[in-house]
PDB file of N, CA and C in Angstrom:
ATOM      1  N   UNK A   1      -2.046 -24.818  -2.055  1.00  0.00           N
ATOM      2  CA  UNK A   1      -1.661 -24.505  -0.687  1.00  0.00           C
ATOM      3  C   UNK A   1      -1.108 -23.087  -0.561  1.00  0.00           C
ATOM      4  N   UNK A   2      -0.390 -22.639  -1.587  1.00  0.00           N
ATOM      5  CA  UNK A   2       0.212 -21.309  -1.533  1.00  0.00           C
ATOM      6  C   UNK A   2      -0.806 -20.197  -1.784  1.00  0.00           C
ATOM      7  N   UNK A   3      -1.869 -20.495  -2.492  1.00  0.00           N
ATOM      8  CA  UNK A   3      -2.860 -19.470  -2.826  1.00  0.00           C
ATOM      9  C   UNK A   3      -3.519 -18.902  -1.568  1.00  0.00           C
ATOM     10  N   UNK A   4      -3.961 -19.721  -0.597  1.00  0.00           N
ATOM     11  CA  UNK A   4      -4.540 -19.137   0.615  1.00  0.00           C
ATOM     12  C   UNK A   4      -3.547 -18.251   1.375  1.00  0.00           C
ATOM     13  N   UNK A   5      -2.289 -18.648   1.392  1.00  0.00           N
ATOM     14  CA  UNK A   5      -1.261 -17.837   2.061  1.00  0.00           C
ATOM     15  C   UNK A   5      -1.115 -16.504   1.332  1.00  0.00           C
ATOM     16  N   UNK A   6      -1.096 -16.552   0.019  1.00  0.00           N
ATOM     17  CA  UNK A   6      -0.991 -15.335  -0.787  1.00  0.00           C
ATOM     18  C   UNK A   6      -2.173 -14.408  -0.536  1.00  0.00           C
ATOM     19  N   UNK A   7      -3.350 -14.963  -0.450  1.00  0.00           N
ATOM     20  CA  UNK A   7      -4.550 -14.161  -0.190  1.00  0.00           C
ATOM     21  C   UNK A   7      -4.460 -13.482   1.170  1.00  0.00           C
ATOM     22  N   UNK A   8      -4.023 -14.214   2.183  1.00  0.00           N
ATOM     23  CA  UNK A   8      -3.878 -13.642   3.528  1.00  0.00           C
ATOM     24  C   UNK A   8      -2.850 -12.517   3.516  1.00  0.00           C
ATOM     25  N   UNK A   9      -1.717 -12.746   2.849  1.00  0.00           N
ATOM     26  CA  UNK A   9      -0.674 -11.717   2.767  1.00  0.00           C
ATOM     27  C   UNK A   9      -1.224 -10.460   2.089  1.00  0.00           C
ATOM     28  N   UNK A  10      -1.943 -10.635   0.996  1.00  0.00           N
ATOM     29  CA  UNK A  10      -2.509  -9.486   0.287  1.00  0.00           C
ATOM     30  C   UNK A  10      -3.510  -8.722   1.156  1.00  0.00           C
ATOM     31  N   UNK A  11      -4.363  -9.430   1.867  1.00  0.00           N
ATOM     32  CA  UNK A  11      -5.347  -8.775   2.733  1.00  0.00           C
ATOM     33  C   UNK A  11      -4.660  -8.013   3.858  1.00  0.00           C
ATOM     34  N   UNK A  12      -3.696  -8.652   4.506  1.00  0.00           N
ATOM     35  CA  UNK A  12      -2.997  -8.021   5.632  1.00  0.00           C
ATOM     36  C   UNK A  12      -2.203  -6.797   5.174  1.00  0.00           C
ATOM     37  N   UNK A  13      -1.411  -6.942   4.120  1.00  0.00           N
ATOM     38  CA  UNK A  13      -0.544  -5.846   3.681  1.00  0.00           C
ATOM     39  C   UNK A  13      -1.363  -4.669   3.139  1.00  0.00           C
ATOM     40  N   UNK A  14      -2.425  -4.952   2.402  1.00  0.00           N
ATOM     41  CA  UNK A  14      -3.250  -3.864   1.882  1.00  0.00           C
ATOM     42  C   UNK A  14      -4.033  -3.176   2.995  1.00  0.00           C
ATOM     43  N   UNK A  15      -4.524  -3.948   3.942  1.00  0.00           N
ATOM     44  CA  UNK A  15      -5.203  -3.359   5.098  1.00  0.00           C
ATOM     45  C   UNK A  15      -4.263  -2.507   5.923  1.00  0.00           C
ATOM     46  N   UNK A  16      -3.038  -2.991   6.106  1.00  0.00           N
ATOM     47  CA  UNK A  16      -2.038  -2.239   6.861  1.00  0.00           C
ATOM     48  C   UNK A  16      -1.668  -0.947   6.136  1.00  0.00           C
ATOM     49  N   UNK A  17      -1.429  -1.033   4.841  1.00  0.00           N
ATOM     50  CA  UNK A  17      -1.062   0.155   4.065  1.00  0.00           C
ATOM     51  C   UNK A  17      -2.177   1.208   4.118  1.00  0.00           C
ATOM     52  N   UNK A  18      -3.417   0.761   3.939  1.00  0.00           N
ATOM     53  CA  UNK A  18      -4.559   1.678   3.997  1.00  0.00           C
ATOM     54  C   UNK A  18      -4.650   2.326   5.379  1.00  0.00           C
ATOM     55  N   UNK A  19      -4.522   1.513   6.417  1.00  0.00           N
ATOM     56  CA  UNK A  19      -4.614   2.005   7.794  1.00  0.00           C
ATOM     57  C   UNK A  19      -3.502   2.993   8.128  1.00  0.00           C
ATOM     58  N   UNK A  20      -2.284   2.684   7.699  1.00  0.00           N
ATOM     59  CA  UNK A  20      -1.163   3.577   7.983  1.00  0.00           C
ATOM     60  C   UNK A  20      -1.349   4.942   7.340  1.00  0.00           C
ATOM     61  N   UNK A  21      -1.928   4.977   6.146  1.00  0.00           N
ATOM     62  CA  UNK A  21      -2.197   6.267   5.508  1.00  0.00           C
ATOM     63  C   UNK A  21      -3.206   7.069   6.333  1.00  0.00           C
ATOM     64  N   UNK A  22      -4.238   6.406   6.845  1.00  0.00           N
ATOM     65  CA  UNK A  22      -5.228   7.097   7.685  1.00  0.00           C
ATOM     66  C   UNK A  22      -4.650   7.551   9.006  1.00  0.00           C
ATOM     67  N   UNK A  23      -3.847   6.698   9.625  1.00  0.00           N
ATOM     68  CA  UNK A  23      -3.218   7.048  10.901  1.00  0.00           C
ATOM     69  C   UNK A  23      -2.270   8.227  10.718  1.00  0.00           C
ATOM     70  N   UNK A  24      -1.462   8.182   9.654  1.00  0.00           N
ATOM     71  CA  UNK A  24      -0.514   9.272   9.426  1.00  0.00           C
ATOM     72  C   UNK A  24      -1.234  10.584   9.130  1.00  0.00           C
ATOM     73  N   UNK A  25      -2.341  10.530   8.410  1.00  0.00           N
ATOM     74  CA  UNK A  25      -3.124  11.738   8.134  1.00  0.00           C
ATOM     75  C   UNK A  25      -3.659  12.327   9.435  1.00  0.00           C
ATOM     76  N   UNK A  26      -4.179  11.462  10.314  1.00  0.00           N
ATOM     77  CA  UNK A  26      -4.702  11.932  11.601  1.00  0.00           C
ATOM     78  C   UNK A  26      -3.586  12.555  12.440  1.00  0.00           C
ATOM     79  N   UNK A  27      -2.421  11.920  12.427  1.00  0.00           N
ATOM     80  CA  UNK A  27      -1.289  12.453  13.180  1.00  0.00           C
ATOM     81  C   UNK A  27      -0.819  13.783  12.605  1.00  0.00           C
ATOM     82  N   UNK A  28      -0.871  13.925  11.290  1.00  0.00           N
ATOM     83  CA  UNK A  28      -0.482  15.182  10.650  1.00  0.00           C
ATOM     84  C   UNK A  28      -1.422  16.315  11.081  1.00  0.00           C
ATOM     85  N   UNK A  29      -2.711  16.022  11.121  1.00  0.00           N
ATOM     86  CA  UNK A  29      -3.688  17.039  11.533  1.00  0.00           C
ATOM     87  C   UNK A  29      -3.496  17.438  12.991  1.00  0.00           C
ATOM     88  N   UNK A  30      -3.107  16.447  13.825  1.00  0.00           N
ATOM     89  CA  UNK A  30      -2.942  16.694  15.253  1.00  0.00           C
ATOM     90  C   UNK A  30      -1.575  17.266  15.595  1.00  0.00           C
ATOM     91  N   UNK A  31      -0.680  17.312  14.623  1.00  0.00           N
ATOM     92  CA  UNK A  31       0.675  17.800  14.885  1.00  0.00           C
ATOM     93  C   UNK A  31       1.481  16.826  15.720  1.00  0.00           C
ATOM     94  N   UNK A  32       1.137  15.564  15.642  1.00  0.00           N
ATOM     95  CA  UNK A  32       1.799  14.529  16.447  1.00  0.00           C
ATOM     96  C   UNK A  32       2.918  13.853  15.656  1.00  0.00           C
ATOM     97  N   UNK A  33       3.596  12.909  16.319  1.00  0.00           N
ATOM     98  CA  UNK A  33       4.653  12.125  15.692  1.00  0.00           C
ATOM     99  C   UNK A  33       4.095  11.446  14.454  1.00  0.00           C
ATOM    100  N   UNK A  34       4.891  11.432  13.380  1.00  0.00           N
ATOM    101  CA  UNK A  34       4.426  10.922  12.092  1.00  0.00           C
ATOM    102  C   UNK A  34       5.061   9.584  11.758  1.00  0.00           C
ATOM    103  N   UNK A  35       4.412   8.854  10.902  1.00  0.00           N
ATOM    104  CA  UNK A  35       4.951   7.611  10.367  1.00  0.00           C
ATOM    105  C   UNK A  35       5.940   7.991   9.270  1.00  0.00           C
ATOM    106  N   UNK A  36       7.171   7.481   9.322  1.00  0.00           N
ATOM    107  CA  UNK A  36       8.159   7.848   8.294  1.00  0.00           C
ATOM    108  C   UNK A  36       7.677   7.457   6.885  1.00  0.00           C
ATOM    109  N   UNK A  37       8.005   8.302   5.905  1.00  0.00           N
ATOM    110  CA  UNK A  37       7.600   8.034   4.530  1.00  0.00           C
ATOM    111  C   UNK A  37       8.161   6.707   4.032  1.00  0.00           C
ATOM    112  N   UNK A  38       9.370   6.357   4.470  1.00  0.00           N
ATOM    113  CA  UNK A  38       9.954   5.089   4.022  1.00  0.00           C
ATOM    114  C   UNK A  38       9.144   3.907   4.536  1.00  0.00           C
ATOM    115  N   UNK A  39       8.519   4.041   5.692  1.00  0.00           N
ATOM    116  CA  UNK A  39       7.661   2.972   6.218  1.00  0.00           C
ATOM    117  C   UNK A  39       6.408   2.847   5.358  1.00  0.00           C
ATOM    118  N   UNK A  40       5.817   3.972   4.988  1.00  0.00           N
ATOM    119  CA  UNK A  40       4.629   3.949   4.128  1.00  0.00           C
ATOM    120  C   UNK A  40       4.966   3.286   2.791  1.00  0.00           C
ATOM    121  N   UNK A  41       6.129   3.623   2.231  1.00  0.00           N
ATOM    122  CA  UNK A  41       6.538   3.027   0.960  1.00  0.00           C
ATOM    123  C   UNK A  41       6.865   1.550   1.116  1.00  0.00           C
ATOM    124  N   UNK A  42       7.504   1.173   2.219  1.00  0.00           N
ATOM    125  CA  UNK A  42       7.879  -0.230   2.421  1.00  0.00           C
ATOM    126  C   UNK A  42       6.643  -1.123   2.480  1.00  0.00           C
ATOM    127  N   UNK A  43       5.674  -0.731   3.279  1.00  0.00           N
ATOM    128  CA  UNK A  43       4.449  -1.538   3.404  1.00  0.00           C
ATOM    129  C   UNK A  43       3.718  -1.606   2.067  1.00  0.00           C
ATOM    130  N   UNK A  44       3.693  -0.497   1.347  1.00  0.00           N
ATOM    131  CA  UNK A  44       3.046  -0.478   0.034  1.00  0.00           C
ATOM    132  C   UNK A  44       3.807  -1.345  -0.953  1.00  0.00           C
ATOM    133  N   UNK A  45       5.123  -1.321  -0.890  1.00  0.00           N
ATOM    134  CA  UNK A  45       5.945  -2.126  -1.801  1.00  0.00           C
ATOM    135  C   UNK A  45       5.822  -3.616  -1.516  1.00  0.00           C
ATOM    136  N   UNK A  46       5.554  -3.983  -0.277  1.00  0.00           N
ATOM    137  CA  UNK A  46       5.430  -5.397   0.099  1.00  0.00           C
ATOM    138  C   UNK A  46       3.996  -5.884  -0.115  1.00  0.00           C
ATOM    139  N   UNK A  47       3.516  -5.695  -1.322  1.00  0.00           N
ATOM    140  CA  UNK A  47       2.191  -6.122  -1.773  1.00  0.00           C
ATOM    141  C   UNK A  47       1.039  -5.420  -1.073  1.00  0.00           C
ATOM    142  N   UNK A  48       1.268  -4.140  -0.712  1.00  0.00           N
ATOM    143  CA  UNK A  48       0.192  -3.313  -0.179  1.00  0.00           C
ATOM    144  C   UNK A  48      -0.159  -2.184  -1.133  1.00  0.00           C
ATOM    145  N   UNK A  49       0.080  -2.396  -2.419  1.00  0.00           N
ATOM    146  CA  UNK A  49      -0.127  -1.348  -3.428  1.00  0.00           C
ATOM    147  C   UNK A  49      -1.548  -0.835  -3.526  1.00  0.00           C
ATOM    148  N   UNK A  50      -2.504  -1.735  -3.489  1.00  0.00           N
ATOM    149  CA  UNK A  50      -3.904  -1.317  -3.584  1.00  0.00           C
ATOM    150  C   UNK A  50      -4.312  -0.529  -2.339  1.00  0.00           C
ATOM    151  N   UNK A  51      -3.966  -1.025  -1.171  1.00  0.00           N
ATOM    152  CA  UNK A  51      -4.312  -0.342   0.079  1.00  0.00           C
ATOM    153  C   UNK A  51      -3.635   1.011   0.214  1.00  0.00           C
ATOM    154  N   UNK A  52      -2.351   1.073  -0.159  1.00  0.00           N
ATOM    155  CA  UNK A  52      -1.626   2.331  -0.083  1.00  0.00           C
ATOM    156  C   UNK A  52      -2.193   3.378  -1.028  1.00  0.00           C
ATOM    157  N   UNK A  53      -2.466   2.954  -2.251  1.00  0.00           N
ATOM    158  CA  UNK A  53      -3.014   3.872  -3.244  1.00  0.00           C
ATOM    159  C   UNK A  53      -4.421   4.316  -2.850  1.00  0.00           C
ATOM    160  N   UNK A  54      -5.238   3.373  -2.440  1.00  0.00           N
ATOM    161  CA  UNK A  54      -6.608   3.710  -2.021  1.00  0.00           C
ATOM    162  C   UNK A  54      -6.581   4.626  -0.806  1.00  0.00           C
ATOM    163  N   UNK A  55      -5.716   4.335   0.154  1.00  0.00           N
ATOM    164  CA  UNK A  55      -5.611   5.168   1.352  1.00  0.00           C
ATOM    165  C   UNK A  55      -5.139   6.570   1.039  1.00  0.00           C
ATOM    166  N   UNK A  56      -4.211   6.682   0.099  1.00  0.00           N
ATOM    167  CA  UNK A  56      -3.697   7.993  -0.281  1.00  0.00           C
ATOM    168  C   UNK A  56      -4.834   8.872  -0.812  1.00  0.00           C
ATOM    169  N   UNK A  57      -5.667   8.328  -1.685  1.00  0.00           N
ATOM    170  CA  UNK A  57      -6.751   9.125  -2.255  1.00  0.00           C
ATOM    171  C   UNK A  57      -7.953   9.240  -1.312  1.00  0.00           C
ATOM    172  N   UNK A  58      -8.260   8.187  -0.564  1.00  0.00           N
ATOM    173  CA  UNK A  58      -9.390   8.221   0.361  1.00  0.00           C
ATOM    174  C   UNK A  58      -9.175   9.264   1.457  1.00  0.00           C
ATOM    175  N   UNK A  59      -7.976   9.276   2.039  1.00  0.00           N
ATOM    176  CA  UNK A  59      -7.667  10.210   3.123  1.00  0.00           C
ATOM    177  C   UNK A  59      -7.094  11.533   2.602  1.00  0.00           C
ATOM    178  N   UNK A  60      -6.908  11.625   1.276  1.00  0.00           N
ATOM    179  CA  UNK A  60      -6.282  12.792   0.650  1.00  0.00           C
ATOM    180  C   UNK A  60      -4.975  13.121   1.368  1.00  0.00           C
ATOM    181  N   UNK A  61      -4.132  12.112   1.452  1.00  0.00           N
ATOM    182  CA  UNK A  61      -2.882  12.230   2.196  1.00  0.00           C
ATOM    183  C   UNK A  61      -1.701  11.919   1.274  1.00  0.00           C
ATOM    184  N   UNK A  62      -0.727  12.789   1.269  1.00  0.00           N
ATOM    185  CA  UNK A  62       0.499  12.662   0.477  1.00  0.00           C
ATOM    186  C   UNK A  62       0.256  12.842  -1.015  1.00  0.00           C
ATOM    187  N   UNK A  63      -0.896  13.353  -1.395  1.00  0.00           N
ATOM    188  CA  UNK A  63      -1.205  13.496  -2.817  1.00  0.00           C
ATOM    189  C   UNK A  63      -0.460  14.664  -3.460  1.00  0.00           C
ATOM    190  N   UNK A  64       0.110  15.558  -2.673  1.00  0.00           N
ATOM    191  CA  UNK A  64       0.879  16.676  -3.231  1.00  0.00           C
ATOM    192  C   UNK A  64       2.319  16.274  -3.542  1.00  0.00           C
ATOM    193  N   UNK A  65       2.732  15.121  -3.040  1.00  0.00           N
ATOM    194  CA  UNK A  65       4.090  14.637  -3.283  1.00  0.00           C
ATOM    195  C   UNK A  65       4.080  13.758  -4.532  1.00  0.00           C
ATOM    196  N   UNK A  66       4.805  14.181  -5.561  1.00  0.00           N
ATOM    197  CA  UNK A  66       4.794  13.458  -6.835  1.00  0.00           C
ATOM    198  C   UNK A  66       5.247  12.017  -6.669  1.00  0.00           C
ATOM    199  N   UNK A  67       6.212  11.771  -5.767  1.00  0.00           N
ATOM    200  CA  UNK A  67       6.729  10.421  -5.611  1.00  0.00           C
ATOM    201  C   UNK A  67       5.711   9.485  -4.967  1.00  0.00           C
ATOM    202  N   UNK A  68       4.745  10.003  -4.227  1.00  0.00           N
ATOM    203  CA  UNK A  68       3.639   9.182  -3.730  1.00  0.00           C
ATOM    204  C   UNK A  68       2.577   9.039  -4.816  1.00  0.00           C
ATOM    205  N   UNK A  69       2.222  10.167  -5.437  1.00  0.00           N
ATOM    206  CA  UNK A  69       1.161  10.176  -6.444  1.00  0.00           C
ATOM    207  C   UNK A  69       1.490   9.263  -7.623  1.00  0.00           C
ATOM    208  N   UNK A  70       2.773   9.170  -7.973  1.00  0.00           N
ATOM    209  CA  UNK A  70       3.190   8.289  -9.069  1.00  0.00           C
ATOM    210  C   UNK A  70       3.699   6.936  -8.564  1.00  0.00           C
ATOM    211  N   UNK A  71       4.375   6.960  -7.430  1.00  0.00           N
ATOM    212  CA  UNK A  71       5.012   5.749  -6.914  1.00  0.00           C
ATOM    213  C   UNK A  71       4.042   4.683  -6.441  1.00  0.00           C
ATOM    214  N   UNK A  72       3.024   5.079  -5.690  1.00  0.00           N
ATOM    215  CA  UNK A  72       2.070   4.088  -5.180  1.00  0.00           C
ATOM    216  C   UNK A  72       1.324   3.380  -6.313  1.00  0.00           C
ATOM    217  N   UNK A  73       0.761   4.124  -7.276  1.00  0.00           N
ATOM    218  CA  UNK A  73       0.102   3.425  -8.391  1.00  0.00           C
ATOM    219  C   UNK A  73       1.078   2.580  -9.210  1.00  0.00           C
ATOM    220  N   UNK A  74       2.322   3.036  -9.355  1.00  0.00           N
ATOM    221  CA  UNK A  74       3.325   2.248 -10.092  1.00  0.00           C
ATOM    222  C   UNK A  74       3.599   0.933  -9.367  1.00  0.00           C
ATOM    223  N   UNK A  75       3.703   0.981  -8.052  1.00  0.00           N
ATOM    224  CA  UNK A  75       3.896  -0.245  -7.275  1.00  0.00           C
ATOM    225  C   UNK A  75       2.703  -1.174  -7.445  1.00  0.00           C
ATOM    226  N   UNK A  76       1.519  -0.606  -7.451  1.00  0.00           N
ATOM    227  CA  UNK A  76       0.304  -1.410  -7.643  1.00  0.00           C
ATOM    228  C   UNK A  76       0.324  -2.107  -8.998  1.00  0.00           C
ATOM    229  N   UNK A  77       0.706  -1.400 -10.041  1.00  0.00           N
ATOM    230  CA  UNK A  77       0.764  -1.992 -11.388  1.00  0.00           C
ATOM    231  C   UNK A  77       1.780  -3.124 -11.434  1.00  0.00           C
ATOM    232  N   UNK A  78       2.938  -2.925 -10.825  1.00  0.00           N
ATOM    233  CA  UNK A  78       3.967  -3.977 -10.790  1.00  0.00           C
ATOM    234  C   UNK A  78       3.440  -5.185 -10.024  1.00  0.00           C
ATOM    235  N   UNK A  79       2.761  -4.947  -8.911  1.00  0.00           N
ATOM    236  CA  UNK A  79       2.233  -6.055  -8.111  1.00  0.00           C
ATOM    237  C   UNK A  79       1.156  -6.826  -8.863  1.00  0.00           C
ATOM    238  N   UNK A  80       0.310  -6.137  -9.577  1.00  0.00           N
ATOM    239  CA  UNK A  80      -0.709  -6.819 -10.384  1.00  0.00           C
ATOM    240  C   UNK A  80      -0.038  -7.674 -11.456  1.00  0.00           C
ATOM    241  N   UNK A  81       0.978  -7.110 -12.109  1.00  0.00           N
ATOM    242  CA  UNK A  81       1.699  -7.857 -13.145  1.00  0.00           C
ATOM    243  C   UNK A  81       2.357  -9.106 -12.553  1.00  0.00           C
ATOM    244  N   UNK A  82       2.969  -8.970 -11.384  1.00  0.00           N
ATOM    245  CA  UNK A  82       3.594 -10.128 -10.724  1.00  0.00           C
ATOM    246  C   UNK A  82       2.557 -11.195 -10.389  1.00  0.00           C
ATOM    247  N   UNK A  83       1.414 -10.763  -9.887  1.00  0.00           N
ATOM    248  CA  UNK A  83       0.361 -11.721  -9.546  1.00  0.00           C
ATOM    249  C   UNK A  83      -0.157 -12.430 -10.792  1.00  0.00           C
ATOM    250  N   UNK A  84      -0.281 -11.707 -11.896  1.00  0.00           N
ATOM    251  CA  UNK A  84      -0.724 -12.331 -13.148  1.00  0.00           C
ATOM    252  C   UNK A  84       0.277 -13.379 -13.610  1.00  0.00           C
ATOM    253  N   UNK A  85       1.561 -13.088 -13.424  1.00  0.00           N
ATOM    254  CA  UNK A  85       2.596 -14.040 -13.830  1.00  0.00           C
ATOM    255  C   UNK A  85       2.721 -15.235 -12.888  1.00  0.00           C
ATOM    256  N   UNK A  86       2.563 -14.983 -11.593  1.00  0.00           N
ATOM    257  CA  UNK A  86       2.790 -16.018 -10.566  1.00  0.00           C
ATOM    258  C   UNK A  86       1.562 -16.889 -10.331  1.00  0.00           C
ATOM    259  N   UNK A  87       0.389 -16.302 -10.345  1.00  0.00           N
ATOM    260  CA  UNK A  87      -0.836 -17.029  -9.973  1.00  0.00           C
ATOM    261  C   UNK A  87      -1.081 -18.293 -10.790  1.00  0.00           C
ATOM    262  N   UNK A  88      -0.926 -18.281 -12.109  1.00  0.00           N
ATOM    263  CA  UNK A  88      -1.162 -19.525 -12.855  1.00  0.00           C
ATOM    264  C   UNK A  88      -0.210 -20.659 -12.442  1.00  0.00           C
ATOM    265  N   UNK A  89       0.974 -20.322 -12.009  1.00  0.00           N
ATOM    266  CA  UNK A  89       1.932 -21.354 -11.597  1.00  0.00           C
ATOM    267  C   UNK A  89       1.570 -21.941 -10.239  1.00  0.00           C
ATOM    268  N   UNK A  90       0.827 -21.172  -9.426  1.00  0.00           N
ATOM    269  CA  UNK A  90       0.429 -21.651  -8.101  1.00  0.00           C
ATOM    270  C   UNK A  90      -0.830 -22.509  -8.154  1.00  0.00           C
ATOM    271  N   UNK A  91      -1.580 -22.393  -9.225  1.00  0.00           N
ATOM    272  CA  UNK A  91      -2.851 -23.138  -9.336  1.00  0.00           C
ATOM    273  C   UNK A  91      -2.666 -24.522  -9.874  1.00  0.00           C
TER     274      UNK A  91
END
């Protein structure tokens, strides 16, 4: 029962993280109001690691900031490790 919920959470959070990176890049180019960096990190930390990391490289956004370039992939690795540990207990 928990596995479908987990899958939905992963899809939503990764899609949101990816989208926010694209939206923020577009806003940066337009000189418009930006999405705060803490929001980008929060969504990525809440199981959006793959989407955040993919969005960062796909949109070439925030790649000059070491804390994004290292932080997003580090969050992704931690999330994968957590899923490896948790998933067998949910099955």
